[in-house]
Amino acid sequence: MRNVMDGDRRQASLERKLHYIEQEIERQQKARTGVEQLAKVYEEQPDFVDEKGANDVNRQLTEVCMVKGRQENVSVYEKSLYKARAI
């Protein structure tokens, strides 16, 4: 099956997707750092947090740990972009 999109258009589309994913990974990494720092403060000063706050931080840590899966997506898009540039 042949892709009907021409090479330049496909390359531009893949570059936009790659740029979006890279930005999302950077945003998630910053969020992860912030949540990890907050968790560290809560661990060092347990009187500073209640159970609800601790549960919220644990939930946020779980959410931002999804960065690893998104990084794998970037490499898939990078491979596709490389192929598109070779056309």
PDB file of N, CA and C in Angstrom:
ATOM      1  N   MET A   1       0.837  -1.178   0.000  1.00  0.00           N
ATOM      2  CA  MET A   1       0.000   0.000   0.000  1.00  0.00           C
ATOM      3  C   MET A   1       0.882   1.241   0.000  1.00  0.00           C
ATOM      4  N   ARG A   2       0.627   2.128  -0.906  1.00  0.00           N
ATOM      5  CA  ARG A   2       1.445   3.336  -1.050  1.00  0.00           C
ATOM      6  C   ARG A   2       0.738   4.528  -0.408  1.00  0.00           C
ATOM      7  N   ASN A   3       1.498   5.326   0.294  1.00  0.00           N
ATOM      8  CA  ASN A   3       0.964   6.531   0.914  1.00  0.00           C
ATOM      9  C   ASN A   3       0.770   7.587  -0.177  1.00  0.00           C
ATOM     10  N   VAL A   4      -0.409   8.187  -0.239  1.00  0.00           N
ATOM     11  CA  VAL A   4      -0.713   9.161  -1.278  1.00  0.00           C
ATOM     12  C   VAL A   4      -0.161  10.551  -0.967  1.00  0.00           C
ATOM     13  N   MET A   5       0.323  10.775   0.240  1.00  0.00           N
ATOM     14  CA  MET A   5       0.875  12.071   0.630  1.00  0.00           C
ATOM     15  C   MET A   5       2.266  12.217   0.028  1.00  0.00           C
ATOM     16  N   ASP A   6       2.547  13.366  -0.611  1.00  0.00           N
ATOM     17  CA  ASP A   6       3.869  13.549  -1.206  1.00  0.00           C
ATOM     18  C   ASP A   6       4.929  13.707  -0.115  1.00  0.00           C
ATOM     19  N   GLY A   7       6.178  13.551  -0.488  1.00  0.00           N
ATOM     20  CA  GLY A   7       7.286  13.515   0.470  1.00  0.00           C
ATOM     21  C   GLY A   7       7.422  14.760   1.322  1.00  0.00           C
ATOM     22  N   ASP A   8       7.336  15.952   0.694  1.00  0.00           N
ATOM     23  CA  ASP A   8       7.493  17.199   1.454  1.00  0.00           C
ATOM     24  C   ASP A   8       6.366  17.388   2.464  1.00  0.00           C
ATOM     25  N   ARG A   9       5.164  17.085   2.036  1.00  0.00           N
ATOM     26  CA  ARG A   9       4.013  17.234   2.930  1.00  0.00           C
ATOM     27  C   ARG A   9       4.095  16.240   4.080  1.00  0.00           C
ATOM     28  N   ARG A  10       4.498  15.025   3.773  1.00  0.00           N
ATOM     29  CA  ARG A  10       4.649  14.005   4.810  1.00  0.00           C
ATOM     30  C   ARG A  10       5.742  14.404   5.795  1.00  0.00           C
ATOM     31  N   GLN A  11       6.849  14.921   5.278  1.00  0.00           N
ATOM     32  CA  GLN A  11       7.948  15.343   6.134  1.00  0.00           C
ATOM     33  C   GLN A  11       7.501  16.470   7.063  1.00  0.00           C
ATOM     34  N   ALA A  12       6.788  17.450   6.531  1.00  0.00           N
ATOM     35  CA  ALA A  12       6.313  18.560   7.352  1.00  0.00           C
ATOM     36  C   ALA A  12       5.353  18.066   8.431  1.00  0.00           C
ATOM     37  N   SER A  13       4.492  17.143   8.074  1.00  0.00           N
ATOM     38  CA  SER A  13       3.547  16.586   9.041  1.00  0.00           C
ATOM     39  C   SER A  13       4.273  15.846  10.157  1.00  0.00           C
ATOM     40  N   LEU A  14       5.249  15.055   9.798  1.00  0.00           N
ATOM     41  CA  LEU A  14       6.007  14.309  10.806  1.00  0.00           C
ATOM     42  C   LEU A  14       6.817  15.239  11.689  1.00  0.00           C
ATOM     43  N   GLU A  15       7.365  16.304  11.101  1.00  0.00           N
ATOM     44  CA  GLU A  15       8.124  17.266  11.905  1.00  0.00           C
ATOM     45  C   GLU A  15       7.220  17.963  12.922  1.00  0.00           C
ATOM     46  N   ARG A  16       5.979  18.296  12.522  1.00  0.00           N
ATOM     47  CA  ARG A  16       5.036  18.909  13.466  1.00  0.00           C
ATOM     48  C   ARG A  16       4.708  17.946  14.600  1.00  0.00           C
ATOM     49  N   LYS A  17       4.479  16.686  14.269  1.00  0.00           N
ATOM     50  CA  LYS A  17       4.171  15.683  15.298  1.00  0.00           C
ATOM     51  C   LYS A  17       5.351  15.500  16.249  1.00  0.00           C
ATOM     52  N   LEU A  18       6.549  15.425  15.678  1.00  0.00           N
ATOM     53  CA  LEU A  18       7.744  15.252  16.489  1.00  0.00           C
ATOM     54  C   LEU A  18       7.930  16.449  17.420  1.00  0.00           C
ATOM     55  N   HIS A  19       7.740  17.643  16.905  1.00  0.00           N
ATOM     56  CA  HIS A  19       7.882  18.856  17.717  1.00  0.00           C
ATOM     57  C   HIS A  19       6.869  18.855  18.868  1.00  0.00           C
ATOM     58  N   TYR A  20       5.625  18.483  18.568  1.00  0.00           N
ATOM     59  CA  TYR A  20       4.597  18.417  19.598  1.00  0.00           C
ATOM     60  C   TYR A  20       4.980  17.419  20.690  1.00  0.00           C
ATOM     61  N   ILE A  21       5.448  16.249  20.290  1.00  0.00           N
ATOM     62  CA  ILE A  21       5.795  15.209  21.263  1.00  0.00           C
ATOM     63  C   ILE A  21       6.987  15.644  22.103  1.00  0.00           C
ATOM     64  N   GLU A  22       7.975  16.278  21.480  1.00  0.00           N
ATOM     65  CA  GLU A  22       9.136  16.755  22.227  1.00  0.00           C
ATOM     66  C   GLU A  22       8.715  17.796  23.269  1.00  0.00           C
ATOM     67  N   GLN A  23       7.803  18.703  22.882  1.00  0.00           N
ATOM     68  CA  GLN A  23       7.313  19.706  23.839  1.00  0.00           C
ATOM     69  C   GLN A  23       6.559  19.047  24.985  1.00  0.00           C
ATOM     70  N   GLU A  24       5.758  18.057  24.663  1.00  0.00           N
ATOM     71  CA  GLU A  24       4.982  17.357  25.690  1.00  0.00           C
ATOM     72  C   GLU A  24       5.911  16.630  26.669  1.00  0.00           C
ATOM     73  N   ILE A  25       6.947  16.015  26.162  1.00  0.00           N
ATOM     74  CA  ILE A  25       7.910  15.320  27.033  1.00  0.00           C
ATOM     75  C   ILE A  25       8.599  16.322  27.949  1.00  0.00           C
ATOM     76  N   GLU A  26       8.995  17.464  27.399  1.00  0.00           N
ATOM     77  CA  GLU A  26       9.652  18.478  28.227  1.00  0.00           C
ATOM     78  C   GLU A  26       8.708  18.986  29.320  1.00  0.00           C
ATOM     79  N   ARG A  27       7.451  19.212  28.970  1.00  0.00           N
ATOM     80  CA  ARG A  27       6.464  19.672  29.944  1.00  0.00           C
ATOM     81  C   ARG A  27       6.266  18.627  31.040  1.00  0.00           C
ATOM     82  N   GLN A  28       6.168  17.365  30.638  1.00  0.00           N
ATOM     83  CA  GLN A  28       5.965  16.291  31.608  1.00  0.00           C
ATOM     84  C   GLN A  28       7.191  16.121  32.505  1.00  0.00           C
ATOM     85  N   GLN A  29       8.375  16.295  31.952  1.00  0.00           N
ATOM     86  CA  GLN A  29       9.589  16.173  32.766  1.00  0.00           C
ATOM     87  C   GLN A  29       9.646  17.276  33.822  1.00  0.00           C
ATOM     88  N   LYS A  30       9.248  18.494  33.444  1.00  0.00           N
ATOM     89  CA  LYS A  30       9.212  19.592  34.417  1.00  0.00           C
ATOM     90  C   LYS A  30       8.178  19.306  35.498  1.00  0.00           C
ATOM     91  N   ALA A  31       7.035  18.799  35.091  1.00  0.00           N
ATOM     92  CA  ALA A  31       5.993  18.463  36.065  1.00  0.00           C
ATOM     93  C   ALA A  31       6.482  17.372  37.004  1.00  0.00           C
ATOM     94  N   ARG A  32       7.154  16.389  36.461  1.00  0.00           N
ATOM     95  CA  ARG A  32       7.669  15.292  37.285  1.00  0.00           C
ATOM     96  C   ARG A  32       8.671  15.807  38.314  1.00  0.00           C
ATOM     97  N   THR A  33       9.569  16.684  37.887  1.00  0.00           N
ATOM     98  CA  THR A  33      10.551  17.244  38.812  1.00  0.00           C
ATOM     99  C   THR A  33       9.860  17.991  39.943  1.00  0.00           C
ATOM    100  N   GLY A  34       8.849  18.788  39.597  1.00  0.00           N
ATOM    101  CA  GLY A  34       8.115  19.534  40.617  1.00  0.00           C
ATOM    102  C   GLY A  34       7.402  18.628  41.604  1.00  0.00           C
ATOM    103  N   VAL A  35       6.751  17.600  41.098  1.00  0.00           N
ATOM    104  CA  VAL A  35       6.019  16.678  41.974  1.00  0.00           C
ATOM    105  C   VAL A  35       6.996  15.881  42.839  1.00  0.00           C
ATOM    106  N   GLU A  36       8.134  15.479  42.263  1.00  0.00           N
ATOM    107  CA  GLU A  36       9.133  14.748  43.051  1.00  0.00           C
ATOM    108  C   GLU A  36       9.680  15.621  44.171  1.00  0.00           C
ATOM    109  N   GLN A  37       9.900  16.915  43.887  1.00  0.00           N
ATOM    110  CA  GLN A  37      10.371  17.822  44.933  1.00  0.00           C
ATOM    111  C   GLN A  37       9.324  17.992  46.022  1.00  0.00           C
ATOM    112  N   LEU A  38       8.073  18.090  45.632  1.00  0.00           N
ATOM    113  CA  LEU A  38       6.995  18.202  46.607  1.00  0.00           C
ATOM    114  C   LEU A  38       6.899  16.941  47.462  1.00  0.00           C
ATOM    115  N   ALA A  39       7.037  15.782  46.833  1.00  0.00           N
ATOM    116  CA  ALA A  39       6.999  14.516  47.576  1.00  0.00           C
ATOM    117  C   ALA A  39       8.158  14.444  48.567  1.00  0.00           C
ATOM    118  N   LYS A  40       9.308  14.956  48.161  1.00  0.00           N
ATOM    119  CA  LYS A  40      10.479  14.952  49.047  1.00  0.00           C
ATOM    120  C   LYS A  40      10.219  15.836  50.269  1.00  0.00           C
ATOM    121  N   VAL A  41       9.623  17.004  50.047  1.00  0.00           N
ATOM    122  CA  VAL A  41       9.294  17.899  51.164  1.00  0.00           C
ATOM    123  C   VAL A  41       8.306  17.217  52.100  1.00  0.00           C
ATOM    124  N   TYR A  42       7.294  16.568  51.531  1.00  0.00           N
ATOM    125  CA  TYR A  42       6.302  15.873  52.352  1.00  0.00           C
ATOM    126  C   TYR A  42       6.939  14.737  53.143  1.00  0.00           C
ATOM    127  N   GLU A  43       7.911  14.073  52.538  1.00  0.00           N
ATOM    128  CA  GLU A  43       8.590  12.963  53.220  1.00  0.00           C
ATOM    129  C   GLU A  43       9.457  13.484  54.365  1.00  0.00           C
ATOM    130  N   GLU A  44      10.137  14.606  54.120  1.00  0.00           N
ATOM    131  CA  GLU A  44      11.031  15.170  55.134  1.00  0.00           C
ATOM    132  C   GLU A  44      10.263  15.874  56.255  1.00  0.00           C
ATOM    133  N   GLN A  45       9.063  16.372  55.928  1.00  0.00           N
ATOM    134  CA  GLN A  45       8.261  17.082  56.916  1.00  0.00           C
ATOM    135  C   GLN A  45       6.838  16.521  56.906  1.00  0.00           C
ATOM    136  N   PRO A  46       6.651  15.341  57.490  1.00  0.00           N
ATOM    137  CA  PRO A  46       5.345  14.686  57.430  1.00  0.00           C
ATOM    138  C   PRO A  46       4.215  15.479  58.081  1.00  0.00           C
ATOM    139  N   ASP A  47       4.536  16.377  59.003  1.00  0.00           N
ATOM    140  CA  ASP A  47       3.495  17.187  59.631  1.00  0.00           C
ATOM    141  C   ASP A  47       2.943  18.248  58.671  1.00  0.00           C
ATOM    142  N   PHE A  48       3.642  18.445  57.570  1.00  0.00           N
ATOM    143  CA  PHE A  48       3.290  19.474  56.600  1.00  0.00           C
ATOM    144  C   PHE A  48       2.138  19.043  55.676  1.00  0.00           C
ATOM    145  N   VAL A  49       1.829  17.741  55.661  1.00  0.00           N
ATOM    146  CA  VAL A  49       0.833  17.229  54.718  1.00  0.00           C
ATOM    147  C   VAL A  49      -0.191  16.353  55.424  1.00  0.00           C
ATOM    148  N   ASP A  50      -1.404  16.373  54.895  1.00  0.00           N
ATOM    149  CA  ASP A  50      -2.427  15.456  55.394  1.00  0.00           C
ATOM    150  C   ASP A  50      -2.540  14.274  54.419  1.00  0.00           C
ATOM    151  N   GLU A  51      -3.397  13.335  54.733  1.00  0.00           N
ATOM    152  CA  GLU A  51      -3.526  12.125  53.911  1.00  0.00           C
ATOM    153  C   GLU A  51      -3.997  12.451  52.497  1.00  0.00           C
ATOM    154  N   LYS A  52      -4.922  13.393  52.385  1.00  0.00           N
ATOM    155  CA  LYS A  52      -5.439  13.777  51.066  1.00  0.00           C
ATOM    156  C   LYS A  52      -4.315  14.351  50.190  1.00  0.00           C
ATOM    157  N   GLY A  53      -3.481  15.197  50.773  1.00  0.00           N
ATOM    158  CA  GLY A  53      -2.360  15.782  50.032  1.00  0.00           C
ATOM    159  C   GLY A  53      -1.356  14.734  49.600  1.00  0.00           C
ATOM    160  N   ALA A  54      -1.073  13.784  50.483  1.00  0.00           N
ATOM    161  CA  ALA A  54      -0.138  12.708  50.146  1.00  0.00           C
ATOM    162  C   ALA A  54      -0.684  11.850  49.009  1.00  0.00           C
ATOM    163  N   ASN A  55      -1.974  11.551  49.060  1.00  0.00           N
ATOM    164  CA  ASN A  55      -2.591  10.760  47.988  1.00  0.00           C
ATOM    165  C   ASN A  55      -2.552  11.515  46.660  1.00  0.00           C
ATOM    166  N   ASP A  56      -2.769  12.832  46.724  1.00  0.00           N
ATOM    167  CA  ASP A  56      -2.730  13.640  45.509  1.00  0.00           C
ATOM    168  C   ASP A  56      -1.339  13.640  44.889  1.00  0.00           C
ATOM    169  N   VAL A  57      -0.312  13.759  45.714  1.00  0.00           N
ATOM    170  CA  VAL A  57       1.065  13.738  45.203  1.00  0.00           C
ATOM    171  C   VAL A  57       1.380  12.374  44.592  1.00  0.00           C
ATOM    172  N   ASN A  58       0.937  11.300  45.234  1.00  0.00           N
ATOM    173  CA  ASN A  58       1.171   9.962  44.675  1.00  0.00           C
ATOM    174  C   ASN A  58       0.470   9.800  43.326  1.00  0.00           C
ATOM    175  N   ARG A  59      -0.745  10.333  43.203  1.00  0.00           N
ATOM    176  CA  ARG A  59      -1.479  10.262  41.940  1.00  0.00           C
ATOM    177  C   ARG A  59      -0.743  11.049  40.857  1.00  0.00           C
ATOM    178  N   GLN A  60      -0.264  12.228  41.211  1.00  0.00           N
ATOM    179  CA  GLN A  60       0.465  13.053  40.246  1.00  0.00           C
ATOM    180  C   GLN A  60       1.763  12.383  39.805  1.00  0.00           C
ATOM    181  N   LEU A  61       2.463  11.749  40.745  1.00  0.00           N
ATOM    182  CA  LEU A  61       3.687  11.028  40.386  1.00  0.00           C
ATOM    183  C   LEU A  61       3.387   9.921  39.384  1.00  0.00           C
ATOM    184  N   THR A  62       2.289   9.221  39.587  1.00  0.00           N
ATOM    185  CA  THR A  62       1.897   8.155  38.668  1.00  0.00           C
ATOM    186  C   THR A  62       1.629   8.726  37.281  1.00  0.00           C
ATOM    187  N   GLU A  63       0.949   9.858  37.220  1.00  0.00           N
ATOM    188  CA  GLU A  63       0.615  10.476  35.934  1.00  0.00           C
ATOM    189  C   GLU A  63       1.853  10.953  35.185  1.00  0.00           C
ATOM    190  N   VAL A  64       2.761  11.612  35.876  1.00  0.00           N
ATOM    191  CA  VAL A  64       3.922  12.157  35.172  1.00  0.00           C
ATOM    192  C   VAL A  64       4.958  11.095  34.838  1.00  0.00           C
ATOM    193  N   CYS A  65       4.836   9.915  35.408  1.00  0.00           N
ATOM    194  CA  CYS A  65       5.767   8.831  35.076  1.00  0.00           C
ATOM    195  C   CYS A  65       5.473   8.250  33.690  1.00  0.00           C
ATOM    196  N   MET A  66       4.421   8.722  33.048  1.00  0.00           N
ATOM    197  CA  MET A  66       4.093   8.248  31.704  1.00  0.00           C
ATOM    198  C   MET A  66       5.044   8.804  30.656  1.00  0.00           C
ATOM    199  N   VAL A  67       5.964   9.650  31.050  1.00  0.00           N
ATOM    200  CA  VAL A  67       6.916  10.259  30.122  1.00  0.00           C
ATOM    201  C   VAL A  67       7.697   9.190  29.362  1.00  0.00           C
ATOM    202  N   LYS A  68       8.048   8.099  30.028  1.00  0.00           N
ATOM    203  CA  LYS A  68       8.843   7.060  29.384  1.00  0.00           C
ATOM    204  C   LYS A  68       8.157   6.521  28.140  1.00  0.00           C
ATOM    205  N   GLY A  69       6.870   6.281  28.226  1.00  0.00           N
ATOM    206  CA  GLY A  69       6.127   5.788  27.066  1.00  0.00           C
ATOM    207  C   GLY A  69       6.103   6.793  25.937  1.00  0.00           C
ATOM    208  N   ARG A  70       6.010   8.068  26.273  1.00  0.00           N
ATOM    209  CA  ARG A  70       5.983   9.104  25.251  1.00  0.00           C
ATOM    210  C   ARG A  70       7.344   9.269  24.595  1.00  0.00           C
ATOM    211  N   GLN A  71       8.409   9.016  25.336  1.00  0.00           N
ATOM    212  CA  GLN A  71       9.739   9.096  24.736  1.00  0.00           C
ATOM    213  C   GLN A  71       9.903   8.026  23.666  1.00  0.00           C
ATOM    214  N   GLU A  72       9.297   6.874  23.862  1.00  0.00           N
ATOM    215  CA  GLU A  72       9.351   5.831  22.849  1.00  0.00           C
ATOM    216  C   GLU A  72       8.629   6.294  21.586  1.00  0.00           C
ATOM    217  N   ASN A  73       7.543   7.039  21.735  1.00  0.00           N
ATOM    218  CA  ASN A  73       6.832   7.577  20.577  1.00  0.00           C
ATOM    219  C   ASN A  73       7.715   8.519  19.777  1.00  0.00           C
ATOM    220  N   VAL A  74       8.532   9.313  20.452  1.00  0.00           N
ATOM    221  CA  VAL A  74       9.417  10.243  19.757  1.00  0.00           C
ATOM    222  C   VAL A  74      10.359   9.481  18.840  1.00  0.00           C
ATOM    223  N   SER A  75      10.924   8.388  19.310  1.00  0.00           N
ATOM    224  CA  SER A  75      11.855   7.648  18.460  1.00  0.00           C
ATOM    225  C   SER A  75      11.141   7.049  17.253  1.00  0.00           C
ATOM    226  N   VAL A  76       9.885   6.662  17.391  1.00  0.00           N
ATOM    227  CA  VAL A  76       9.115   6.163  16.250  1.00  0.00           C
ATOM    228  C   VAL A  76       8.936   7.277  15.223  1.00  0.00           C
ATOM    229  N   TYR A  77       8.572   8.467  15.686  1.00  0.00           N
ATOM    230  CA  TYR A  77       8.400   9.590  14.773  1.00  0.00           C
ATOM    231  C   TYR A  77       9.728  10.011  14.143  1.00  0.00           C
ATOM    232  N   GLU A  78      10.796   9.968  14.920  1.00  0.00           N
ATOM    233  CA  GLU A  78      12.100  10.314  14.360  1.00  0.00           C
ATOM    234  C   GLU A  78      12.470   9.370  13.228  1.00  0.00           C
ATOM    235  N   LYS A  79      12.196   8.080  13.396  1.00  0.00           N
ATOM    236  CA  LYS A  79      12.473   7.098  12.340  1.00  0.00           C
ATOM    237  C   LYS A  79      11.651   7.398  11.100  1.00  0.00           C
ATOM    238  N   SER A  80      10.379   7.731  11.297  1.00  0.00           N
ATOM    239  CA  SER A  80       9.512   8.046  10.163  1.00  0.00           C
ATOM    240  C   SER A  80       9.984   9.312   9.461  1.00  0.00           C
ATOM    241  N   LEU A  81      10.421  10.298  10.242  1.00  0.00           N
ATOM    242  CA  LEU A  81      10.928  11.539   9.669  1.00  0.00           C
ATOM    243  C   LEU A  81      12.175  11.273   8.845  1.00  0.00           C
ATOM    244  N   TYR A  82      13.057  10.437   9.351  1.00  0.00           N
ATOM    245  CA  TYR A  82      14.272  10.079   8.619  1.00  0.00           C
ATOM    246  C   TYR A  82      13.914   9.425   7.278  1.00  0.00           C
ATOM    247  N   LYS A  83      12.926   8.527   7.308  1.00  0.00           N
ATOM    248  CA  LYS A  83      12.483   7.871   6.086  1.00  0.00           C
ATOM    249  C   LYS A  83      11.907   8.894   5.102  1.00  0.00           C
ATOM    250  N   ALA A  84      11.126   9.832   5.639  1.00  0.00           N
ATOM    251  CA  ALA A  84      10.508  10.831   4.769  1.00  0.00           C
ATOM    252  C   ALA A  84      11.579  11.728   4.120  1.00  0.00           C
ATOM    253  N   ARG A  85      12.612  12.048   4.858  1.00  0.00           N
ATOM    254  CA  ARG A  85      13.688  12.882   4.299  1.00  0.00           C
ATOM    255  C   ARG A  85      14.475  12.131   3.234  1.00  0.00           C
ATOM    256  N   ALA A  86      14.492  10.828   3.322  1.00  0.00           N
ATOM    257  CA  ALA A  86      15.236  10.020   2.348  1.00  0.00           C
ATOM    258  C   ALA A  86      14.515   9.927   1.008  1.00  0.00           C
ATOM    259  N   ILE A  87      13.226  10.270   1.014  1.00  0.00           N
ATOM    260  CA  ILE A  87      12.420  10.165  -0.222  1.00  0.00           C
ATOM    261  C   ILE A  87      12.798  11.258  -1.196  1.00  0.00           C
TER     262      ILE A  87
END
